[in-house]
Protein backbone atom coordinates (compact mmCIF):
# COMPACT_ATOMS: atom_id res chain seq x y z
CA MET A 1 11.03 33.78 18.63
CA SER A 2 8.58 34.18 15.99
CA PRO A 3 4.80 33.75 16.77
CA PRO A 4 3.14 30.34 15.82
CA ARG A 5 1.72 30.09 12.36
CA LYS A 6 -1.84 29.28 11.79
CA VAL A 7 -2.19 26.19 9.75
CA ALA A 8 -5.12 24.34 8.24
CA VAL A 9 -4.46 20.65 7.33
CA ILE A 10 -7.12 19.34 4.91
CA GLY A 11 -7.35 15.56 5.43
CA ALA A 12 -6.69 13.45 8.38
CA GLY A 13 -5.11 10.42 6.79
CA PRO A 14 -1.57 9.17 7.33
CA ALA A 15 -0.23 12.16 5.45
CA GLY A 16 -2.47 14.86 7.19
CA TYR A 17 -2.66 13.68 10.77
CA VAL A 18 1.15 13.10 10.89
CA CYS A 19 1.75 16.57 9.37
CA ALA A 20 -0.65 17.92 12.00
CA ILE A 21 0.94 16.38 15.05
CA ARG A 22 4.41 17.32 13.84
CA LEU A 23 3.25 20.99 13.27
CA ALA A 24 1.93 21.06 16.94
CA GLN A 25 5.18 19.54 18.24
CA LEU A 26 6.94 22.41 16.40
CA GLY A 27 4.80 24.93 18.21
CA GLN A 28 2.29 25.87 15.48
CA ASP A 29 -1.37 26.60 15.76
CA VAL A 30 -3.04 23.62 13.76
CA THR A 31 -6.57 22.91 12.62
CA VAL A 32 -7.37 19.48 10.94
CA ILE A 33 -10.44 19.23 8.62
CA GLU A 34 -11.64 15.83 7.96
CA LYS A 35 -14.60 14.92 5.61
CA GLU A 36 -15.16 11.46 6.75
CA PHE A 37 -13.15 9.66 9.40
CA LEU A 38 -9.84 10.21 11.39
CA GLY A 39 -7.13 7.98 10.05
CA GLY A 40 -8.35 8.34 6.42
CA THR A 41 -8.55 5.48 3.96
CA CYS A 42 -5.58 3.75 5.34
CA LEU A 43 -6.86 3.05 8.89
CA ASN A 44 -10.52 2.87 8.06
CA VAL A 45 -10.95 1.15 4.73
CA GLY A 46 -7.51 0.28 3.46
CA CYS A 47 -4.18 -0.84 4.84
CA ILE A 48 -5.15 -1.72 8.44
CA PRO A 49 -8.57 -3.52 7.89
CA SER A 50 -7.30 -5.27 4.76
CA LYS A 51 -4.27 -6.69 6.66
CA ALA A 52 -6.40 -7.79 9.68
CA LEU A 53 -8.79 -9.74 7.15
CA ILE A 54 -5.60 -11.08 5.42
CA ALA A 55 -4.03 -12.20 8.67
CA ALA A 56 -7.47 -14.16 9.47
CA GLY A 57 -7.41 -15.68 6.05
CA SER A 58 -3.79 -16.74 6.48
CA LEU A 59 -4.59 -18.26 9.89
CA ARG A 60 -7.30 -20.37 8.51
CA HIS A 61 -5.20 -21.63 5.93
CA ARG A 62 -2.30 -22.50 8.26
CA ILE A 63 -4.67 -24.35 10.42
CA GLY A 64 -5.73 -26.38 7.53
CA GLU A 65 -2.16 -27.31 6.81
CA ALA A 66 -1.12 -28.00 10.37
CA GLY A 67 -1.61 -31.61 9.87
CA ALA A 68 2.06 -31.85 8.66
CA MET A 69 3.04 -30.93 12.21
CA GLY A 70 0.84 -33.48 13.68
CA ILE A 71 -1.85 -31.02 14.70
CA THR A 72 -5.33 -31.91 13.43
CA VAL A 73 -8.24 -29.33 13.73
CA LYS A 74 -11.71 -30.71 13.23
CA GLY A 75 -15.03 -28.64 12.66
CA LEU A 76 -13.19 -25.45 11.47
CA ASP A 77 -16.08 -22.83 10.99
CA LEU A 78 -16.00 -19.23 9.91
CA ASP A 79 -18.30 -16.65 11.43
CA VAL A 80 -18.23 -13.68 8.97
CA LYS A 81 -20.10 -11.27 11.15
CA LYS A 82 -17.68 -11.86 14.00
CA LEU A 83 -14.76 -11.58 11.83
CA VAL A 84 -15.92 -8.22 10.44
CA ALA A 85 -16.59 -7.06 14.01
CA TRP A 86 -13.02 -8.03 15.04
CA LYS A 87 -11.55 -6.10 12.22
CA GLU A 88 -13.71 -3.14 13.07
CA GLY A 89 -12.55 -3.25 16.67
CA ILE A 90 -8.93 -2.89 15.45
CA VAL A 91 -9.94 0.05 13.25
CA GLY A 92 -11.84 1.70 16.11
CA LYS A 93 -8.68 1.41 18.57
CA LEU A 94 -6.53 3.01 15.97
CA THR A 95 -8.79 5.74 14.73
CA GLY A 96 -9.63 6.54 18.48
CA GLY A 97 -5.84 6.66 19.09
CA VAL A 98 -5.36 9.34 16.28
CA GLY A 99 -8.09 11.43 17.68
CA GLY A 100 -6.57 11.15 21.09
CA LEU A 101 -3.09 12.09 19.76
CA LEU A 102 -4.42 15.13 17.86
CA LYS A 103 -6.24 16.32 21.06
CA ASN A 104 -3.35 15.83 23.44
CA HIS A 105 -1.18 17.74 21.03
CA GLY A 106 -3.51 20.57 21.01
CA VAL A 107 -4.60 20.23 17.43
CA THR A 108 -8.21 21.59 16.69
CA THR A 109 -10.27 18.90 14.73
CA LEU A 110 -13.27 19.93 12.49
CA MET A 111 -15.27 17.23 10.94
CA GLY A 112 -16.66 18.56 7.60
CA SER A 113 -15.84 19.34 3.97
CA ALA A 114 -13.04 21.97 3.30
CA LYS A 115 -13.12 24.44 0.40
CA LEU A 116 -10.45 26.96 -0.40
CA THR A 117 -12.12 30.45 -0.98
CA GLY A 118 -9.10 32.53 -1.38
CA PRO A 119 -5.57 33.05 -0.29
CA GLY A 120 -5.27 31.78 3.37
CA GLN A 121 -8.95 31.13 3.53
CA VAL A 122 -10.86 27.82 4.04
CA GLN A 123 -14.56 27.25 4.45
CA VAL A 124 -15.55 24.36 6.44
CA ASP A 125 -19.13 22.86 5.95
CA SER A 126 -20.37 20.53 8.45
CA LYS A 127 -23.81 19.31 9.87
CA ASP A 128 -23.63 22.36 12.32
CA GLY A 129 -23.06 24.87 9.56
CA SER A 130 -20.29 26.74 7.96
CA LYS A 131 -17.24 28.17 9.40
CA ASN A 132 -14.55 30.20 7.73
CA LEU A 133 -10.87 30.09 8.93
CA LYS A 134 -8.16 32.51 8.05
CA VAL A 135 -4.72 30.83 8.24
CA ASP A 136 -1.13 31.46 7.17
CA ASP A 137 -0.62 28.08 5.51
CA ILE A 138 -2.67 25.42 4.04
CA VAL A 139 -1.76 21.60 3.70
CA ILE A 140 -3.75 19.66 1.26
CA ALA A 141 -3.91 15.91 2.21
CA THR A 142 -7.06 14.80 0.67
CA GLY A 143 -5.83 11.33 -0.26
CA SER A 144 -7.34 9.20 -3.02
CA VAL A 145 -10.41 7.28 -3.99
CA PRO A 146 -10.92 3.96 -6.03
CA ILE A 147 -11.21 4.35 -9.80
CA GLU A 148 -14.46 3.19 -11.48
CA ILE A 149 -14.38 1.66 -14.83
CA PRO A 150 -17.27 1.75 -17.44
CA GLY A 151 -19.90 -1.04 -16.87
CA PHE A 152 -18.71 -1.62 -13.18
CA ALA A 153 -20.18 1.36 -11.18
CA PHE A 154 -19.60 0.62 -7.54
CA ASP A 155 -22.78 -0.31 -5.68
CA GLU A 156 -21.09 -2.21 -2.98
CA LYS A 157 -23.56 -5.09 -3.58
CA GLU A 158 -23.03 -6.69 -6.87
CA VAL A 159 -19.79 -4.65 -7.47
CA TRP A 160 -17.47 -4.10 -4.61
CA SER A 161 -14.83 -1.57 -4.47
CA SER A 162 -11.82 -2.31 -2.16
CA THR A 163 -14.02 -0.54 0.61
CA GLY A 164 -17.01 -2.84 0.15
CA ALA A 165 -14.84 -5.95 0.08
CA LEU A 166 -13.58 -5.12 3.61
CA VAL A 167 -17.16 -5.36 5.08
CA PRO A 168 -18.49 -8.59 3.48
CA ASP A 169 -21.69 -9.98 4.79
CA ARG A 170 -20.78 -13.48 3.31
CA ILE A 171 -17.91 -15.22 1.62
CA PRO A 172 -18.62 -15.26 -2.12
CA GLU A 173 -18.80 -18.70 -3.84
CA HIS A 174 -17.12 -17.29 -6.91
CA LEU A 175 -15.35 -13.92 -6.75
CA VAL A 176 -14.22 -12.28 -9.94
CA VAL A 177 -11.53 -9.48 -9.29
CA ILE A 178 -10.97 -6.95 -12.04
CA GLY A 179 -7.39 -5.67 -11.81
CA GLY A 180 -4.15 -8.11 -11.03
CA GLY A 181 -2.28 -5.18 -9.10
CA TYR A 182 -1.51 -5.41 -5.44
CA ILE A 183 -4.95 -4.58 -4.10
CA GLY A 184 -6.61 -7.10 -6.31
CA LEU A 185 -4.28 -9.86 -5.49
CA GLU A 186 -4.25 -9.16 -1.69
CA LEU A 187 -7.99 -9.43 -1.59
CA GLY A 188 -8.31 -12.13 -4.08
CA MET A 189 -5.94 -14.31 -2.12
CA MET A 190 -7.65 -13.42 1.23
CA PHE A 191 -11.05 -14.51 -0.09
CA ARG A 192 -9.53 -17.67 -1.55
CA LYS A 193 -8.23 -18.59 1.82
CA LEU A 194 -11.63 -17.76 3.42
CA GLY A 195 -13.26 -20.25 0.98
CA SER A 196 -14.11 -18.49 -2.30
CA GLN A 197 -13.38 -19.56 -5.99
CA VAL A 198 -11.39 -16.67 -7.50
CA THR A 199 -10.84 -15.40 -11.01
CA VAL A 200 -8.54 -12.63 -11.62
CA LEU A 201 -8.87 -10.39 -14.82
CA GLU A 202 -5.68 -8.49 -15.71
CA ALA A 203 -5.30 -6.26 -18.72
CA THR A 204 -1.45 -6.57 -19.03
CA PRO A 205 0.60 -9.61 -19.83
CA GLY A 206 1.18 -10.46 -16.13
CA ALA A 207 0.23 -9.98 -12.52
CA LEU A 208 1.61 -7.02 -10.46
CA PRO A 209 2.59 -4.84 -13.34
CA GLY A 210 5.70 -2.63 -12.79
CA GLN A 211 7.12 -5.00 -9.96
CA GLU A 212 10.24 -7.05 -10.05
CA ARG A 213 9.51 -9.80 -12.58
CA ASP A 214 11.45 -12.50 -10.70
CA CYS A 215 9.35 -11.97 -7.61
CA VAL A 216 6.18 -11.76 -9.55
CA LYS A 217 6.85 -15.21 -11.18
CA VAL A 218 6.73 -16.64 -7.45
CA ILE A 219 3.40 -14.95 -7.02
CA GLU A 220 2.04 -16.21 -10.33
CA ARG A 221 3.05 -19.75 -9.41
CA SER A 222 1.35 -19.37 -5.89
CA LEU A 223 -1.86 -18.27 -7.66
CA LYS A 224 -1.79 -21.45 -9.62
CA LYS A 225 -1.04 -23.48 -6.60
CA GLN A 226 -3.96 -21.90 -4.83
CA LYS A 227 -6.25 -22.60 -7.76
CA ILE A 228 -6.77 -18.98 -8.39
CA LYS A 229 -7.34 -18.42 -12.17
CA LEU A 230 -5.44 -15.50 -13.54
CA LEU A 231 -6.51 -14.31 -16.85
CA THR A 232 -4.04 -11.86 -18.48
CA GLU A 233 -4.46 -9.62 -21.47
CA THR A 234 -8.28 -9.76 -20.61
CA PHE A 235 -10.53 -6.76 -20.38
CA ALA A 236 -13.80 -6.63 -18.34
CA LYS A 237 -16.46 -5.00 -20.70
CA GLY A 238 -19.51 -5.03 -18.39
CA TYR A 239 -21.90 -7.51 -16.66
CA THR A 240 -25.59 -8.48 -16.51
CA ARG A 241 -27.54 -10.09 -13.58
CA LYS A 242 -29.19 -13.44 -13.85
CA GLY A 243 -30.92 -14.28 -10.71
CA SER A 244 -28.32 -14.24 -7.85
CA LYS A 245 -25.42 -14.46 -10.27
CA SER A 246 -23.57 -11.95 -12.40
CA LEU A 247 -22.40 -12.66 -15.86
CA VAL A 248 -19.19 -10.83 -16.44
CA GLU A 249 -18.37 -10.08 -20.12
CA ILE A 250 -14.65 -10.21 -20.94
CA GLU A 251 -12.68 -9.80 -24.11
CA THR A 252 -9.45 -11.70 -24.71
CA LYS A 253 -7.13 -12.45 -27.75
CA LYS A 254 -9.43 -15.42 -28.30
CA GLY A 255 -12.63 -13.21 -28.51
CA LYS A 256 -15.41 -12.56 -26.22
CA GLU A 257 -16.62 -14.83 -23.18
CA THR A 258 -18.75 -14.73 -20.23
CA ILE A 259 -17.81 -15.66 -16.60
CA GLU A 260 -20.62 -16.35 -14.04
CA CYS A 261 -19.88 -15.37 -10.50
CA ASP A 262 -21.78 -14.28 -7.60
CA GLN A 263 -19.53 -11.29 -6.60
CA ILE A 264 -17.47 -8.73 -8.49
CA LEU A 265 -14.55 -6.83 -7.08
CA SER A 266 -13.07 -3.97 -9.08
CA THR A 267 -9.55 -2.82 -8.12
CA VAL A 268 -7.99 -1.14 -11.13
CA GLY A 269 -6.30 1.67 -9.10
CA ARG A 270 -6.95 4.87 -7.31
CA ARG A 271 -7.05 8.44 -8.15
CA PRO A 272 -6.17 11.58 -6.22
CA TYR A 273 -9.14 13.16 -4.56
CA SER A 274 -9.75 16.98 -5.32
CA GLU A 275 -13.34 17.37 -5.95
CA GLY A 276 -15.08 20.39 -4.44
CA LEU A 277 -11.77 21.55 -2.93
CA GLY A 278 -12.02 25.06 -4.67
CA LEU A 279 -8.44 24.80 -6.18
CA GLU A 280 -9.28 27.22 -8.92
CA SER A 281 -10.09 30.03 -6.24
CA VAL A 282 -6.39 30.18 -5.33
CA GLY A 283 -4.89 29.49 -8.94
CA LEU A 284 -4.19 25.79 -8.46
CA ALA A 285 -4.96 23.02 -10.89
CA THR A 286 -4.05 19.36 -10.91
CA ASP A 287 -2.26 17.67 -13.88
CA LYS A 288 -3.99 15.31 -16.32
CA ARG A 289 -3.53 12.41 -13.67
CA GLY A 290 -5.09 14.43 -10.92
CA PHE A 291 -1.91 15.31 -8.95
CA LEU A 292 -0.75 18.65 -7.77
CA GLU A 293 2.76 19.65 -8.51
CA VAL A 294 5.04 20.14 -5.59
CA ASP A 295 8.76 20.85 -4.97
CA GLU A 296 11.15 19.05 -2.54
CA GLN A 297 9.75 21.18 0.41
CA MET A 298 6.12 20.03 -0.53
CA ARG A 299 5.16 23.49 -1.75
CA THR A 300 2.75 23.79 -4.52
CA THR A 301 2.90 26.50 -7.28
CA VAL A 302 0.89 28.77 -4.89
CA PRO A 303 2.83 30.48 -1.91
CA GLY A 304 1.44 29.12 1.45
CA ILE A 305 -0.08 25.98 0.12
CA TYR A 306 1.44 22.57 0.42
CA ALA A 307 0.39 19.09 -0.82
CA VAL A 308 1.32 15.83 0.83
CA GLY A 309 0.11 12.16 0.25
CA ASP A 310 -1.63 10.72 -2.54
CA ILE A 311 -2.46 14.09 -4.27
CA ALA A 312 1.23 15.01 -4.30
CA GLY A 313 2.17 12.15 -6.82
CA GLN A 314 3.37 8.63 -6.93
CA PRO A 315 3.98 6.32 -5.19
CA MET A 316 0.49 6.40 -3.63
CA LEU A 317 1.57 4.90 -0.44
CA ALA A 318 0.67 5.71 3.21
CA HIS A 319 4.20 5.79 4.47
CA LYS A 320 5.36 8.00 1.69
CA GLY A 321 2.61 10.45 2.50
CA SER A 322 3.49 10.46 6.22
CA LYS A 323 7.18 11.35 5.34
CA GLU A 324 5.94 14.21 3.16
CA GLY A 325 3.71 15.31 6.05
CA LEU A 326 6.76 15.59 8.25
CA VAL A 327 8.60 17.33 5.57
CA ALA A 328 5.78 19.99 5.09
CA ALA A 329 5.53 20.49 8.71
CA GLY A 330 9.25 21.19 9.12
CA VAL A 331 9.30 23.53 6.26
CA ILE A 332 6.20 25.51 7.67
CA ALA A 333 7.91 25.71 11.07
CA GLY A 334 11.07 27.20 9.45
CA GLN A 335 13.32 24.18 9.65
CA PRO A 336 15.61 23.13 6.82
CA GLU A 337 13.55 20.18 5.68
CA ALA A 338 13.33 18.60 2.08
CA TYR A 339 11.93 15.39 0.66
CA ASP A 340 15.24 13.97 -0.33
CA VAL A 341 14.64 10.16 0.26
CA ARG A 342 16.68 7.86 -1.85
CA CYS A 343 14.09 5.08 -1.81
CA VAL A 344 10.55 4.25 -0.83
CA PRO A 345 9.71 0.60 0.01
CA ALA A 346 6.73 -1.13 -1.32
CA VAL A 347 5.07 -4.00 0.66
CA ILE A 348 2.49 -6.49 -0.99
CA PHE A 349 0.63 -8.76 1.42
CA THR A 350 -0.06 -11.54 -0.95
CA ALA A 351 0.83 -15.20 -0.23
CA PRO A 352 3.65 -15.45 -0.13
CA GLU A 353 4.36 -11.85 0.72
CA MET A 354 6.49 -9.48 -1.66
CA ALA A 355 8.50 -6.44 -0.90
CA SER A 356 10.79 -4.15 -2.89
CA VAL A 357 13.09 -1.14 -2.41
CA GLY A 358 15.30 0.49 -4.86
CA LEU A 359 15.89 -0.18 -8.37
CA THR A 360 14.76 -3.36 -10.13
CA GLU A 361 17.09 -5.34 -12.65
CA GLU A 362 15.03 -3.85 -15.61
CA GLN A 363 15.39 -0.23 -14.27
CA CYS A 364 19.12 -0.70 -13.90
CA LYS A 365 19.40 -1.82 -17.39
CA GLU A 366 17.21 1.05 -18.64
CA LYS A 367 19.77 3.39 -16.83
CA GLY A 368 22.83 1.64 -18.41
CA LEU A 369 24.04 0.64 -14.86
CA ALA A 370 26.58 -2.21 -14.66
CA ILE A 371 25.19 -4.43 -11.82
CA LYS A 372 25.94 -7.62 -9.83
CA THR A 373 23.17 -9.76 -8.20
CA GLY A 374 22.94 -12.28 -5.44
CA GLN A 375 20.05 -14.37 -4.57
CA PHE A 376 19.19 -16.63 -1.69
CA PRO A 377 16.19 -18.95 -1.50
CA PHE A 378 14.02 -19.37 1.57
CA ALA A 379 14.11 -23.11 0.95
CA ALA A 380 17.58 -23.02 2.34
CA SER A 381 16.52 -21.11 5.39
CA GLY A 382 16.13 -23.22 8.50
CA ARG A 383 13.72 -20.70 10.02
CA ALA A 384 11.55 -20.63 6.89
CA MET A 385 11.47 -24.43 7.11
CA SER A 386 10.21 -24.32 10.72
CA LEU A 387 7.48 -21.97 9.64
CA MET A 388 6.45 -24.28 6.63
CA GLU A 389 6.96 -21.34 4.41
CA THR A 390 9.73 -21.89 2.04
CA GLU A 391 8.58 -20.29 -1.22
CA GLY A 392 10.59 -17.32 -2.50
CA PHE A 393 13.92 -15.73 -2.06
CA VAL A 394 15.90 -12.56 -1.40
CA LYS A 395 17.55 -10.76 -4.25
CA VAL A 396 20.21 -8.10 -3.77
CA ILE A 397 21.28 -5.74 -6.67
CA ALA A 398 24.61 -3.83 -6.33
CA ASP A 399 26.67 -1.61 -8.49
CA ALA A 400 29.23 -3.72 -10.24
CA LYS A 401 32.10 -1.20 -9.65
CA SER A 402 31.20 0.46 -6.21
CA ASP A 403 29.26 -2.41 -4.71
CA GLU A 404 26.64 0.10 -3.47
CA LEU A 405 23.07 -1.29 -2.85
CA LEU A 406 20.75 -0.18 -5.72
CA GLY A 407 17.81 -2.41 -4.93
CA VAL A 408 16.59 -5.27 -2.69
CA HIS A 409 13.67 -7.50 -3.77
CA MET A 410 12.03 -10.17 -1.79
CA VAL A 411 9.17 -12.68 -2.05
CA GLY A 412 8.50 -15.15 0.80
CA PRO A 413 7.61 -15.27 4.56
CA GLU A 414 7.43 -11.96 6.52
CA VAL A 415 9.35 -10.16 3.78
CA THR A 416 7.26 -7.05 4.52
CA GLU A 417 9.02 -6.89 7.72
CA LEU A 418 12.57 -7.79 6.34
CA ILE A 419 12.49 -4.97 3.80
CA ALA A 420 13.12 -2.32 6.49
CA GLU A 421 16.78 -3.40 6.88
CA ALA A 422 17.35 -3.04 3.19
CA THR A 423 15.63 0.29 3.07
CA LEU A 424 17.78 1.75 5.76
CA ALA A 425 20.92 0.12 4.06
CA ILE A 426 20.17 1.85 0.66
CA GLU A 427 19.23 5.06 2.40
CA MET A 428 22.58 5.21 4.18
CA GLY A 429 24.61 4.33 1.16
CA ALA A 430 25.59 0.93 2.33
CA THR A 431 27.36 -1.72 0.07
CA ALA A 432 26.52 -5.41 -0.57
CA GLU A 433 29.62 -6.17 1.58
CA ASP A 434 28.31 -4.01 4.50
CA LEU A 435 24.98 -6.20 4.56
CA ALA A 436 27.25 -9.37 4.21
CA ARG A 437 29.59 -8.53 7.06
CA THR A 438 26.74 -7.55 9.49
CA ILE A 439 26.01 -10.31 11.92
CA HIS A 440 22.49 -11.61 11.75
CA ALA A 441 20.98 -13.52 14.51
CA HIS A 442 20.28 -17.18 14.10
CA PRO A 443 17.98 -18.73 13.32
CA THR A 444 15.99 -15.92 11.74
CA LEU A 445 14.64 -15.00 8.34
CA PRO A 446 16.73 -11.80 7.98
CA GLU A 447 19.82 -14.25 7.54
CA ALA A 448 18.40 -14.59 3.93
CA VAL A 449 19.28 -10.96 3.39
CA MET A 450 22.88 -11.47 4.59
CA GLU A 451 23.36 -14.60 2.38
CA ALA A 452 21.84 -12.83 -0.61
CA ALA A 453 24.38 -9.91 -0.07
CA GLU A 454 27.25 -12.60 0.27
CA ALA A 455 25.90 -14.21 -2.93
CA VAL A 456 26.66 -10.92 -4.83
CA HIS A 457 30.23 -11.89 -4.52
CA GLY A 458 29.76 -15.53 -4.96
CA MET A 459 30.42 -16.13 -1.19
CA ALA A 460 27.06 -17.37 0.10
CA VAL A 461 27.70 -20.23 2.68
CA HIS A 462 24.45 -22.09 2.74
CA ILE A 463 23.94 -22.45 -1.09
CA PHE A 464 26.45 -23.70 -3.76
CA GLN A 465 27.23 -21.13 -6.24
CA LYS A 466 29.25 -22.25 -9.32
CA LYS A 467 32.27 -20.15 -10.04
């Protein structure tokens, strides 16, 4: 049996800490270096805190609509300070859990900034001084940071990044969101449900660019229903302060305009983080988008150095990073691992929720694939009716000849949970008939997946399909 390899993992986010734990499980000698906080962006200022606040906003909204059920609530108040403290409590439990897992698996954790100084050499600078590590392998899992645009530097006062938006000291009267992607819409809808007037500025012709258009249309209708103003093909140019207000200068096809608000949130995307990492010292360089090139074993172009997570390329999603971390750990430990997934699910916590996996119709057409589609509306779902959430549908795309599942796209209640079944089905090479023939419990939302698969062949039971 070969001796354990010494491995340094730079970054303790969903890619890094997962990689470190798996390496330890496989008997390796692991050190994790984290610059800011265990759990990375996702656990601290991303996925987890945003979904906690979104859940609070949704609950407040549902209470307001409960009159239809005969439930009337009077005197509904919001304590922002207590809400943020509740969210921080969730974050604290999870980050503490990560720390405990690393410790229990025998992983050494160093808090500080890491810098590559040569082959197999990492310098760690912390408040206690510098420490030099000599290791066999290095895994770069440094994640990403919000992108700033000219005229809207983040000060987390007048201009929030997604990080600042998750620790509000008040609910804005009028929030202007720059960017109509998933982060902007998730947070914009959250603040709308908490009481803000919201205007979203999007440079492209529609919301959620790159997503399945039929699903996006439902989201765009929901924005209108919630009285959120979506301005497309609109560019934010800068802002000036006037007392307690911000005057946002925008440019549209009609010309220049000004929007008055009391809070700006800029969410135009994220970029990989590699500043100060010393990549040049080992002959590494990022591409023009900031990513490191990796192969299917997560190896970079330099032997002994791996990259996982956001810095390893799109999609920049926590669960994709975790998978890459597991692959890199297996490869380092000598196992026959490779990143060979067929699909990566995407979930968007808007209202209603949206989730996708596999190819969209547009992508199928671009590839010249002959397809069949089936769609089932939540308006025909008894469970959705009982939840008072009947917006949206499930759409199944299958190969016209083989019936193999190519993509599944959903918008509606709890679809961020339902997408797991579709992901497994595509990963295992299932057909639409396989989904359709699988018994789904009743009454549940997953029945909509089964019925959409049946609709591919014109055989859905609970909707009428013209022959």
